[in-house]
């Protein structure tokens, strides 16, 4: 830390006057935000509570699929790029097979 001190202007948030646990918690609640990508709103699965089935089809709507992070039944601990790419590639295969291409 000492090597970088010459470039530091000091603490900017929450500020030196915020010292108690209650003050720190209030700051965290006010200023904090999640770094997680939203997912799971159209969870795929095989029970009646799932919005999409395991083939990414929206239950009860013929011809509609969901191909994004919303089909994930649980959060991914890392970035979503590779996961969503895999879902999209699987969806392309499913659609291509259905179309007979």
PDB file of N, CA and C in Angstrom:
ATOM      1  N   UNK A   1       0.808  -1.193   0.000  1.00  0.00           N
ATOM      2  CA  UNK A   1       0.000   0.000   0.000  1.00  0.00           C
ATOM      3  C   UNK A   1       0.856   1.263   0.000  1.00  0.00           C
ATOM      4  N   UNK A   2       1.951   1.217   0.687  1.00  0.00           N
ATOM      5  CA  UNK A   2       2.782   2.411   0.794  1.00  0.00           C
ATOM      6  C   UNK A   2       3.299   2.863  -0.566  1.00  0.00           C
ATOM      7  N   UNK A   3       3.535   1.905  -1.470  1.00  0.00           N
ATOM      8  CA  UNK A   3       4.057   2.263  -2.784  1.00  0.00           C
ATOM      9  C   UNK A   3       3.042   3.065  -3.603  1.00  0.00           C
ATOM     10  N   UNK A   4       1.758   2.921  -3.304  1.00  0.00           N
ATOM     11  CA  UNK A   4       0.715   3.629  -4.049  1.00  0.00           C
ATOM     12  C   UNK A   4       0.224   4.890  -3.340  1.00  0.00           C
ATOM     13  N   UNK A   5       0.666   5.121  -2.146  1.00  0.00           N
ATOM     14  CA  UNK A   5       0.169   6.236  -1.340  1.00  0.00           C
ATOM     15  C   UNK A   5       0.308   7.587  -2.038  1.00  0.00           C
ATOM     16  N   UNK A   6       1.364   7.780  -2.814  1.00  0.00           N
ATOM     17  CA  UNK A   6       1.570   9.071  -3.475  1.00  0.00           C
ATOM     18  C   UNK A   6       0.468   9.399  -4.483  1.00  0.00           C
ATOM     19  N   UNK A   7      -0.255   8.398  -4.956  1.00  0.00           N
ATOM     20  CA  UNK A   7      -1.334   8.628  -5.919  1.00  0.00           C
ATOM     21  C   UNK A   7      -2.720   8.643  -5.267  1.00  0.00           C
ATOM     22  N   UNK A   8      -2.780   8.411  -3.988  1.00  0.00           N
ATOM     23  CA  UNK A   8      -4.058   8.339  -3.290  1.00  0.00           C
ATOM     24  C   UNK A   8      -4.476   9.702  -2.740  1.00  0.00           C
ATOM     25  N   UNK A   9      -5.765   9.982  -2.859  1.00  0.00           N
ATOM     26  CA  UNK A   9      -6.307  11.200  -2.248  1.00  0.00           C
ATOM     27  C   UNK A   9      -6.955  10.886  -0.907  1.00  0.00           C
ATOM     28  N   UNK A  10      -6.864   9.639  -0.495  1.00  0.00           N
ATOM     29  CA  UNK A  10      -7.462   9.216   0.766  1.00  0.00           C
ATOM     30  C   UNK A  10      -8.817   8.579   0.541  1.00  0.00           C
ATOM     31  N   UNK A  11      -9.457   8.229   1.637  1.00  0.00           N
ATOM     32  CA  UNK A  11     -10.761   7.577   1.583  1.00  0.00           C
ATOM     33  C   UNK A  11     -11.811   8.542   1.041  1.00  0.00           C
ATOM     34  N   UNK A  12     -12.573   8.069   0.069  1.00  0.00           N
ATOM     35  CA  UNK A  12     -13.619   8.924  -0.493  1.00  0.00           C
ATOM     36  C   UNK A  12     -15.015   8.495  -0.036  1.00  0.00           C
ATOM     37  N   UNK A  13     -15.189   7.249   0.289  1.00  0.00           N
ATOM     38  CA  UNK A  13     -16.496   6.768   0.729  1.00  0.00           C
ATOM     39  C   UNK A  13     -16.299   5.549   1.618  1.00  0.00           C
ATOM     40  N   UNK A  14     -16.980   5.403   2.670  1.00  0.00           N
ATOM     41  CA  UNK A  14     -18.081   6.244   3.128  1.00  0.00           C
ATOM     42  C   UNK A  14     -17.617   7.525   3.827  1.00  0.00           C
ATOM     43  N   UNK A  15     -16.334   7.653   4.086  1.00  0.00           N
ATOM     44  CA  UNK A  15     -15.797   8.836   4.756  1.00  0.00           C
ATOM     45  C   UNK A  15     -15.283   8.490   6.148  1.00  0.00           C
ATOM     46  N   UNK A  16     -14.327   9.262   6.605  1.00  0.00           N
ATOM     47  CA  UNK A  16     -13.706   8.975   7.904  1.00  0.00           C
ATOM     48  C   UNK A  16     -14.669   9.145   9.065  1.00  0.00           C
ATOM     49  N   UNK A  17     -15.747   9.910   8.869  1.00  0.00           N
ATOM     50  CA  UNK A  17     -16.702  10.133   9.948  1.00  0.00           C
ATOM     51  C   UNK A  17     -17.672   8.964  10.127  1.00  0.00           C
ATOM     52  N   UNK A  18     -17.681   8.019   9.204  1.00  0.00           N
ATOM     53  CA  UNK A  18     -18.523   6.828   9.311  1.00  0.00           C
ATOM     54  C   UNK A  18     -17.693   5.746   9.984  1.00  0.00           C
ATOM     55  N   UNK A  19     -18.020   5.470  11.259  1.00  0.00           N
ATOM     56  CA  UNK A  19     -17.175   4.555  12.022  1.00  0.00           C
ATOM     57  C   UNK A  19     -17.928   3.429  12.723  1.00  0.00           C
ATOM     58  N   UNK A  20     -19.191   3.619  13.058  1.00  0.00           N
ATOM     59  CA  UNK A  20     -19.904   2.578  13.811  1.00  0.00           C
ATOM     60  C   UNK A  20     -20.440   1.518  12.863  1.00  0.00           C
ATOM     61  N   UNK A  21     -20.753   0.377  13.421  1.00  0.00           N
ATOM     62  CA  UNK A  21     -21.339  -0.701  12.613  1.00  0.00           C
ATOM     63  C   UNK A  21     -22.647  -0.254  11.974  1.00  0.00           C
ATOM     64  N   UNK A  22     -23.473   0.468  12.717  1.00  0.00           N
ATOM     65  CA  UNK A  22     -24.750   0.945  12.174  1.00  0.00           C
ATOM     66  C   UNK A  22     -24.532   1.913  11.014  1.00  0.00           C
ATOM     67  N   UNK A  23     -23.575   2.802  11.154  1.00  0.00           N
ATOM     68  CA  UNK A  23     -23.275   3.758  10.081  1.00  0.00           C
ATOM     69  C   UNK A  23     -22.733   3.045   8.846  1.00  0.00           C
ATOM     70  N   UNK A  24     -21.866   2.071   9.063  1.00  0.00           N
ATOM     71  CA  UNK A  24     -21.304   1.312   7.940  1.00  0.00           C
ATOM     72  C   UNK A  24     -22.391   0.493   7.244  1.00  0.00           C
ATOM     73  N   UNK A  25     -23.297  -0.095   8.036  1.00  0.00           N
ATOM     74  CA  UNK A  25     -24.389  -0.864   7.442  1.00  0.00           C
ATOM     75  C   UNK A  25     -25.318   0.049   6.638  1.00  0.00           C
ATOM     76  N   UNK A  26     -25.629   1.217   7.164  1.00  0.00           N
ATOM     77  CA  UNK A  26     -26.482   2.162   6.452  1.00  0.00           C
ATOM     78  C   UNK A  26     -25.836   2.576   5.130  1.00  0.00           C
ATOM     79  N   UNK A  27     -24.527   2.821   5.150  1.00  0.00           N
ATOM     80  CA  UNK A  27     -23.819   3.170   3.922  1.00  0.00           C
ATOM     81  C   UNK A  27     -23.877   2.010   2.923  1.00  0.00           C
ATOM     82  N   UNK A  28     -23.640   0.798   3.407  1.00  0.00           N
ATOM     83  CA  UNK A  28     -23.653  -0.373   2.520  1.00  0.00           C
ATOM     84  C   UNK A  28     -25.028  -0.564   1.889  1.00  0.00           C
ATOM     85  N   UNK A  29     -26.085  -0.378   2.679  1.00  0.00           N
ATOM     86  CA  UNK A  29     -27.439  -0.524   2.144  1.00  0.00           C
ATOM     87  C   UNK A  29     -27.766   0.563   1.124  1.00  0.00           C
ATOM     88  N   UNK A  30     -27.267   1.753   1.347  1.00  0.00           N
ATOM     89  CA  UNK A  30     -27.548   2.879   0.459  1.00  0.00           C
ATOM     90  C   UNK A  30     -26.706   2.820  -0.818  1.00  0.00           C
ATOM     91  N   UNK A  31     -25.450   2.468  -0.691  1.00  0.00           N
ATOM     92  CA  UNK A  31     -24.523   2.570  -1.825  1.00  0.00           C
ATOM     93  C   UNK A  31     -24.212   1.236  -2.497  1.00  0.00           C
ATOM     94  N   UNK A  32     -24.485   0.141  -1.826  1.00  0.00           N
ATOM     95  CA  UNK A  32     -24.119  -1.166  -2.362  1.00  0.00           C
ATOM     96  C   UNK A  32     -25.000  -1.602  -3.514  1.00  0.00           C
ATOM     97  N   UNK A  33     -24.451  -2.461  -4.324  1.00  0.00           N
ATOM     98  CA  UNK A  33     -25.203  -3.044  -5.425  1.00  0.00           C
ATOM     99  C   UNK A  33     -24.635  -4.409  -5.741  1.00  0.00           C
ATOM    100  N   UNK A  34     -25.422  -5.213  -6.370  1.00  0.00           N
ATOM    101  CA  UNK A  34     -24.979  -6.544  -6.709  1.00  0.00           C
ATOM    102  C   UNK A  34     -24.124  -6.516  -7.974  1.00  0.00           C
ATOM    103  N   UNK A  35     -23.188  -7.419  -8.035  1.00  0.00           N
ATOM    104  CA  UNK A  35     -22.391  -7.580  -9.241  1.00  0.00           C
ATOM    105  C   UNK A  35     -22.879  -8.754 -10.053  1.00  0.00           C
ATOM    106  N   UNK A  36     -23.921  -9.393  -9.570  1.00  0.00           N
ATOM    107  CA  UNK A  36     -24.433 -10.582 -10.228  1.00  0.00           C
ATOM    108  C   UNK A  36     -25.302 -10.220 -11.424  1.00  0.00           C
ATOM    109  N   UNK A  37     -25.269 -11.051 -12.425  1.00  0.00           N
ATOM    110  CA  UNK A  37     -26.157 -10.902 -13.567  1.00  0.00           C
ATOM    111  C   UNK A  37     -27.505 -11.512 -13.196  1.00  0.00           C
ATOM    112  N   UNK A  38     -28.544 -10.882 -13.632  1.00  0.00           N
ATOM    113  CA  UNK A  38     -29.868 -11.419 -13.358  1.00  0.00           C
ATOM    114  C   UNK A  38     -30.055 -12.720 -14.121  1.00  0.00           C
ATOM    115  N   UNK A  39     -30.649 -13.677 -13.446  1.00  0.00           N
ATOM    116  CA  UNK A  39     -30.948 -14.944 -14.098  1.00  0.00           C
ATOM    117  C   UNK A  39     -32.006 -15.666 -13.296  1.00  0.00           C
ATOM    118  N   UNK A  40     -32.599 -16.669 -13.909  1.00  0.00           N
ATOM    119  CA  UNK A  40     -33.536 -17.525 -13.212  1.00  0.00           C
ATOM    120  C   UNK A  40     -34.995 -17.115 -13.279  1.00  0.00           C
ATOM    121  N   UNK A  41     -35.348 -16.073 -14.014  1.00  0.00           N
ATOM    122  CA  UNK A  41     -36.743 -15.635 -14.050  1.00  0.00           C
ATOM    123  C   UNK A  41     -37.622 -16.519 -14.931  1.00  0.00           C
ATOM    124  N   UNK A  42     -37.020 -17.302 -15.813  1.00  0.00           N
ATOM    125  CA  UNK A  42     -37.749 -18.265 -16.656  1.00  0.00           C
ATOM    126  C   UNK A  42     -37.104 -19.631 -16.509  1.00  0.00           C
ATOM    127  N   UNK A  43     -36.920 -20.053 -15.281  1.00  0.00           N
ATOM    128  CA  UNK A  43     -36.167 -21.278 -14.998  1.00  0.00           C
ATOM    129  C   UNK A  43     -36.642 -22.471 -15.810  1.00  0.00           C
ATOM    130  N   UNK A  44     -35.659 -23.194 -16.365  1.00  0.00           N
ATOM    131  CA  UNK A  44     -35.997 -24.409 -17.084  1.00  0.00           C
ATOM    132  C   UNK A  44     -35.990 -25.582 -16.110  1.00  0.00           C
ATOM    133  N   UNK A  45     -36.796 -26.544 -16.417  1.00  0.00           N
ATOM    134  CA  UNK A  45     -36.869 -27.740 -15.595  1.00  0.00           C
ATOM    135  C   UNK A  45     -38.008 -28.621 -16.040  1.00  0.00           C
ATOM    136  N   UNK A  46     -38.294 -29.626 -15.233  1.00  0.00           N
ATOM    137  CA  UNK A  46     -39.306 -30.601 -15.642  1.00  0.00           C
ATOM    138  C   UNK A  46     -40.502 -30.658 -14.695  1.00  0.00           C
ATOM    139  N   UNK A  47     -40.652 -29.671 -13.815  1.00  0.00           N
ATOM    140  CA  UNK A  47     -41.849 -29.701 -12.964  1.00  0.00           C
ATOM    141  C   UNK A  47     -42.796 -28.577 -13.343  1.00  0.00           C
ATOM    142  N   UNK A  48     -43.971 -28.573 -12.757  1.00  0.00           N
ATOM    143  CA  UNK A  48     -45.020 -27.624 -13.148  1.00  0.00           C
ATOM    144  C   UNK A  48     -44.702 -26.186 -12.755  1.00  0.00           C
ATOM    145  N   UNK A  49     -43.698 -25.971 -11.917  1.00  0.00           N
ATOM    146  CA  UNK A  49     -43.338 -24.629 -11.483  1.00  0.00           C
ATOM    147  C   UNK A  49     -42.351 -23.944 -12.436  1.00  0.00           C
ATOM    148  N   UNK A  50     -41.780 -24.685 -13.354  1.00  0.00           N
ATOM    149  CA  UNK A  50     -40.812 -24.114 -14.278  1.00  0.00           C
ATOM    150  C   UNK A  50     -41.497 -23.407 -15.437  1.00  0.00           C
ATOM    151  N   UNK A  51     -40.911 -22.298 -15.872  1.00  0.00           N
ATOM    152  CA  UNK A  51     -41.461 -21.520 -16.987  1.00  0.00           C
ATOM    153  C   UNK A  51     -41.082 -22.154 -18.316  1.00  0.00           C
ATOM    154  N   UNK A  52     -39.861 -22.693 -18.405  1.00  0.00           N
ATOM    155  CA  UNK A  52     -39.405 -23.342 -19.629  1.00  0.00           C
ATOM    156  C   UNK A  52     -39.065 -24.794 -19.331  1.00  0.00           C
ATOM    157  N   UNK A  53     -39.217 -25.630 -20.358  1.00  0.00           N
ATOM    158  CA  UNK A  53     -38.844 -27.032 -20.168  1.00  0.00           C
ATOM    159  C   UNK A  53     -37.356 -27.201 -20.480  1.00  0.00           C
ATOM    160  N   UNK A  54     -36.870 -28.423 -20.417  1.00  0.00           N
ATOM    161  CA  UNK A  54     -35.439 -28.671 -20.605  1.00  0.00           C
ATOM    162  C   UNK A  54     -34.981 -28.494 -22.052  1.00  0.00           C
ATOM    163  N   UNK A  55     -35.936 -28.260 -22.953  1.00  0.00           N
ATOM    164  CA  UNK A  55     -35.610 -27.961 -24.353  1.00  0.00           C
ATOM    165  C   UNK A  55     -35.780 -26.471 -24.634  1.00  0.00           C
ATOM    166  N   UNK A  56     -35.850 -25.659 -23.570  1.00  0.00           N
ATOM    167  CA  UNK A  56     -35.930 -24.196 -23.636  1.00  0.00           C
ATOM    168  C   UNK A  56     -37.251 -23.669 -24.175  1.00  0.00           C
ATOM    169  N   UNK A  57     -38.271 -24.546 -24.278  1.00  0.00           N
ATOM    170  CA  UNK A  57     -39.584 -24.129 -24.765  1.00  0.00           C
ATOM    171  C   UNK A  57     -40.389 -23.519 -23.620  1.00  0.00           C
ATOM    172  N   UNK A  58     -41.083 -22.418 -23.901  1.00  0.00           N
ATOM    173  CA  UNK A  58     -41.943 -21.805 -22.891  1.00  0.00           C
ATOM    174  C   UNK A  58     -43.168 -22.694 -22.726  1.00  0.00           C
ATOM    175  N   UNK A  59     -43.418 -23.088 -21.493  1.00  0.00           N
ATOM    176  CA  UNK A  59     -44.539 -23.988 -21.210  1.00  0.00           C
ATOM    177  C   UNK A  59     -45.863 -23.292 -21.522  1.00  0.00           C
ATOM    178  N   UNK A  60     -46.704 -23.962 -22.321  1.00  0.00           N
ATOM    179  CA  UNK A  60     -48.022 -23.439 -22.648  1.00  0.00           C
ATOM    180  C   UNK A  60     -48.067 -22.502 -23.846  1.00  0.00           C
ATOM    181  N   UNK A  61     -46.919 -22.200 -24.449  1.00  0.00           N
ATOM    182  CA  UNK A  61     -46.895 -21.335 -25.631  1.00  0.00           C
ATOM    183  C   UNK A  61     -46.149 -22.066 -26.736  1.00  0.00           C
ATOM    184  N   UNK A  62     -46.860 -22.447 -27.757  1.00  0.00           N
ATOM    185  CA  UNK A  62     -46.286 -23.227 -28.840  1.00  0.00           C
ATOM    186  C   UNK A  62     -45.334 -22.378 -29.692  1.00  0.00           C
ATOM    187  N   UNK A  63     -44.137 -22.895 -29.946  1.00  0.00           N
ATOM    188  CA  UNK A  63     -43.200 -22.255 -30.860  1.00  0.00           C
ATOM    189  C   UNK A  63     -42.335 -21.162 -30.258  1.00  0.00           C
ATOM    190  N   UNK A  64     -42.340 -21.001 -28.948  1.00  0.00           N
ATOM    191  CA  UNK A  64     -41.544 -19.950 -28.319  1.00  0.00           C
ATOM    192  C   UNK A  64     -40.500 -20.570 -27.395  1.00  0.00           C
ATOM    193  N   UNK A  65     -39.268 -20.145 -27.551  1.00  0.00           N
ATOM    194  CA  UNK A  65     -38.179 -20.587 -26.682  1.00  0.00           C
ATOM    195  C   UNK A  65     -37.527 -19.371 -26.034  1.00  0.00           C
ATOM    196  N   UNK A  66     -36.916 -19.584 -24.895  1.00  0.00           N
ATOM    197  CA  UNK A  66     -36.138 -18.543 -24.227  1.00  0.00           C
ATOM    198  C   UNK A  66     -34.689 -18.977 -24.260  1.00  0.00           C
ATOM    199  N   UNK A  67     -33.816 -18.089 -24.723  1.00  0.00           N
ATOM    200  CA  UNK A  67     -32.403 -18.424 -24.888  1.00  0.00           C
ATOM    201  C   UNK A  67     -31.572 -17.305 -24.269  1.00  0.00           C
ATOM    202  N   UNK A  68     -31.547 -17.262 -22.970  1.00  0.00           N
ATOM    203  CA  UNK A  68     -30.719 -16.291 -22.252  1.00  0.00           C
ATOM    204  C   UNK A  68     -30.539 -16.762 -20.808  1.00  0.00           C
ATOM    205  N   UNK A  69     -29.956 -15.929 -19.975  1.00  0.00           N
ATOM    206  CA  UNK A  69     -29.646 -16.318 -18.594  1.00  0.00           C
ATOM    207  C   UNK A  69     -30.886 -16.562 -17.748  1.00  0.00           C
ATOM    208  N   UNK A  70     -32.040 -16.120 -18.212  1.00  0.00           N
ATOM    209  CA  UNK A  70     -33.244 -16.309 -17.406  1.00  0.00           C
ATOM    210  C   UNK A  70     -33.642 -17.776 -17.278  1.00  0.00           C
ATOM    211  N   UNK A  71     -33.159 -18.650 -18.151  1.00  0.00           N
ATOM    212  CA  UNK A  71     -33.517 -20.069 -18.055  1.00  0.00           C
ATOM    213  C   UNK A  71     -32.689 -20.823 -17.015  1.00  0.00           C
ATOM    214  N   UNK A  72     -31.647 -20.207 -16.508  1.00  0.00           N
ATOM    215  CA  UNK A  72     -30.784 -20.895 -15.542  1.00  0.00           C
ATOM    216  C   UNK A  72     -31.523 -21.128 -14.228  1.00  0.00           C
ATOM    217  N   UNK A  73     -31.540 -22.349 -13.730  1.00  0.00           N
ATOM    218  CA  UNK A  73     -32.234 -22.625 -12.477  1.00  0.00           C
ATOM    219  C   UNK A  73     -31.497 -22.103 -11.243  1.00  0.00           C
ATOM    220  N   UNK A  74     -30.216 -21.785 -11.382  1.00  0.00           N
ATOM    221  CA  UNK A  74     -29.455 -21.209 -10.272  1.00  0.00           C
ATOM    222  C   UNK A  74     -28.357 -20.313 -10.840  1.00  0.00           C
ATOM    223  N   UNK A  75     -27.842 -19.432 -10.002  1.00  0.00           N
ATOM    224  CA  UNK A  75     -26.817 -18.490 -10.443  1.00  0.00           C
ATOM    225  C   UNK A  75     -25.506 -19.183 -10.758  1.00  0.00           C
ATOM    226  N   UNK A  76     -24.793 -18.656 -11.708  1.00  0.00           N
ATOM    227  CA  UNK A  76     -23.453 -19.117 -12.049  1.00  0.00           C
ATOM    228  C   UNK A  76     -22.472 -18.303 -11.211  1.00  0.00           C
ATOM    229  N   UNK A  77     -21.453 -18.937 -10.665  1.00  0.00           N
ATOM    230  CA  UNK A  77     -20.535 -18.221  -9.779  1.00  0.00           C
ATOM    231  C   UNK A  77     -19.555 -17.309 -10.516  1.00  0.00           C
ATOM    232  N   UNK A  78     -19.415 -17.493 -11.798  1.00  0.00           N
ATOM    233  CA  UNK A  78     -18.501 -16.655 -12.569  1.00  0.00           C
ATOM    234  C   UNK A  78     -19.250 -15.860 -13.612  1.00  0.00           C
ATOM    235  N   UNK A  79     -18.530 -15.424 -14.628  1.00  0.00           N
ATOM    236  CA  UNK A  79     -19.156 -14.693 -15.712  1.00  0.00           C
ATOM    237  C   UNK A  79     -20.104 -15.582 -16.505  1.00  0.00           C
ATOM    238  N   UNK A  80     -21.051 -14.955 -17.169  1.00  0.00           N
ATOM    239  CA  UNK A  80     -22.081 -15.709 -17.884  1.00  0.00           C
ATOM    240  C   UNK A  80     -21.776 -15.952 -19.355  1.00  0.00           C
ATOM    241  N   UNK A  81     -20.723 -15.363 -19.884  1.00  0.00           N
ATOM    242  CA  UNK A  81     -20.482 -15.434 -21.318  1.00  0.00           C
ATOM    243  C   UNK A  81     -20.448 -16.869 -21.841  1.00  0.00           C
ATOM    244  N   UNK A  82     -19.633 -17.714 -21.276  1.00  0.00           N
ATOM    245  CA  UNK A  82     -19.514 -19.096 -21.767  1.00  0.00           C
ATOM    246  C   UNK A  82     -20.810 -19.868 -21.543  1.00  0.00           C
ATOM    247  N   UNK A  83     -21.463 -19.631 -20.417  1.00  0.00           N
ATOM    248  CA  UNK A  83     -22.712 -20.330 -20.109  1.00  0.00           C
ATOM    249  C   UNK A  83     -23.796 -19.974 -21.115  1.00  0.00           C
ATOM    250  N   UNK A  84     -23.954 -18.690 -21.401  1.00  0.00           N
ATOM    251  CA  UNK A  84     -24.983 -18.259 -22.343  1.00  0.00           C
ATOM    252  C   UNK A  84     -24.640 -18.697 -23.766  1.00  0.00           C
ATOM    253  N   UNK A  85     -23.364 -18.705 -24.102  1.00  0.00           N
ATOM    254  CA  UNK A  85     -22.952 -19.211 -25.416  1.00  0.00           C
ATOM    255  C   UNK A  85     -23.345 -20.676 -25.559  1.00  0.00           C
ATOM    256  N   UNK A  86     -23.136 -21.466 -24.516  1.00  0.00           N
ATOM    257  CA  UNK A  86     -23.509 -22.882 -24.554  1.00  0.00           C
ATOM    258  C   UNK A  86     -25.021 -23.047 -24.676  1.00  0.00           C
ATOM    259  N   UNK A  87     -25.783 -22.237 -23.954  1.00  0.00           N
ATOM    260  CA  UNK A  87     -27.244 -22.298 -24.058  1.00  0.00           C
ATOM    261  C   UNK A  87     -27.678 -21.939 -25.479  1.00  0.00           C
ATOM    262  N   UNK A  88     -27.086 -20.910 -26.042  1.00  0.00           N
ATOM    263  CA  UNK A  88     -27.442 -20.482 -27.395  1.00  0.00           C
ATOM    264  C   UNK A  88     -27.086 -21.546 -28.433  1.00  0.00           C
ATOM    265  N   UNK A  89     -25.933 -22.167 -28.271  1.00  0.00           N
ATOM    266  CA  UNK A  89     -25.548 -23.231 -29.207  1.00  0.00           C
ATOM    267  C   UNK A  89     -26.501 -24.423 -29.099  1.00  0.00           C
ATOM    268  N   UNK A  90     -26.900 -24.755 -27.877  1.00  0.00           N
ATOM    269  CA  UNK A  90     -27.860 -25.847 -27.682  1.00  0.00           C
ATOM    270  C   UNK A  90     -29.201 -25.493 -28.310  1.00  0.00           C
ATOM    271  N   UNK A  91     -29.642 -24.250 -28.112  1.00  0.00           N
ATOM    272  CA  UNK A  91     -30.906 -23.808 -28.711  1.00  0.00           C
ATOM    273  C   UNK A  91     -30.835 -23.878 -30.234  1.00  0.00           C
ATOM    274  N   UNK A  92     -29.714 -23.462 -30.810  1.00  0.00           N
ATOM    275  CA  UNK A  92     -29.552 -23.525 -32.268  1.00  0.00           C
ATOM    276  C   UNK A  92     -29.663 -24.967 -32.751  1.00  0.00           C
ATOM    277  N   UNK A  93     -29.037 -25.892 -32.027  1.00  0.00           N
ATOM    278  CA  UNK A  93     -29.148 -27.312 -32.384  1.00  0.00           C
ATOM    279  C   UNK A  93     -30.611 -27.791 -32.304  1.00  0.00           C
ATOM    280  N   UNK A  94     -31.305 -27.422 -31.252  1.00  0.00           N
ATOM    281  CA  UNK A  94     -32.706 -27.838 -31.071  1.00  0.00           C
ATOM    282  C   UNK A  94     -33.574 -27.288 -32.194  1.00  0.00           C
ATOM    283  N   UNK A  95     -33.386 -26.020 -32.527  1.00  0.00           N
ATOM    284  CA  UNK A  95     -34.189 -25.388 -33.576  1.00  0.00           C
ATOM    285  C   UNK A  95     -33.853 -25.973 -34.940  1.00  0.00           C
ATOM    286  N   UNK A  96     -32.566 -26.185 -35.191  1.00  0.00           N
ATOM    287  CA  UNK A  96     -32.133 -26.760 -36.466  1.00  0.00           C
ATOM    288  C   UNK A  96     -32.688 -28.168 -36.626  1.00  0.00           C
ATOM    289  N   UNK A  97     -32.636 -28.991 -35.566  1.00  0.00           N
ATOM    290  CA  UNK A  97     -33.159 -30.361 -35.638  1.00  0.00           C
ATOM    291  C   UNK A  97     -34.654 -30.365 -35.919  1.00  0.00           C
ATOM    292  N   UNK A  98     -35.386 -29.460 -35.295  1.00  0.00           N
ATOM    293  CA  UNK A  98     -36.830 -29.379 -35.493  1.00  0.00           C
ATOM    294  C   UNK A  98     -37.147 -28.947 -36.929  1.00  0.00           C
ATOM    295  N   UNK A  99     -36.313 -28.041 -37.454  1.00  0.00           N
ATOM    296  CA  UNK A  99     -36.544 -27.535 -38.793  1.00  0.00           C
ATOM    297  C   UNK A  99     -36.048 -28.501 -39.873  1.00  0.00           C
ATOM    298  N   UNK A 100     -35.324 -29.540 -39.460  1.00  0.00           N
ATOM    299  CA  UNK A 100     -34.821 -30.525 -40.417  1.00  0.00           C
ATOM    300  C   UNK A 100     -33.663 -30.005 -41.250  1.00  0.00           C
ATOM    301  N   UNK A 101     -32.943 -29.046 -40.742  1.00  0.00           N
ATOM    302  CA  UNK A 101     -31.813 -28.468 -41.480  1.00  0.00           C
ATOM    303  C   UNK A 101     -30.589 -29.358 -41.342  1.00  0.00           C
TER     304      UNK A 101
END
